[in-house]
Amino acid sequence: MATARYEAELASIASAADRRGFAWFFRWAELGNDLGNDEGGALRLTHQGDEESLAMVKELQSDPLLAHAVGRAFLDYLRWDHATNPGDGDA
């Protein structure tokens, strides 16, 4: 499910490659919502989440332009996080 921030950010990105990178990064972040506890209490992805994660990594490995765009999206996220949460311990 897309959030308002996601929609606004996606609309502001001019490059199609950067839009693909942002969409991939957002899908990856959404996988974190699929975490559940195993019998030992450790956080684990669901079986479907495992399969989706593996498919996403393979997609990234096979497409250097996508990998570059995802890296840019990740750096943009870090800049945004640092600007909105100063002093929270992040480097």
Foldseek 3Di string as FASTA:
>chain_A
DDDPVLVVVLVPDDDPLLSLLLVLLVVVVVQVVQWDQDPVGDTDHDPVSVVVVVVSVVVCVVDVSSVVSVVVNVVVVVVVCCVVPPPPPDD
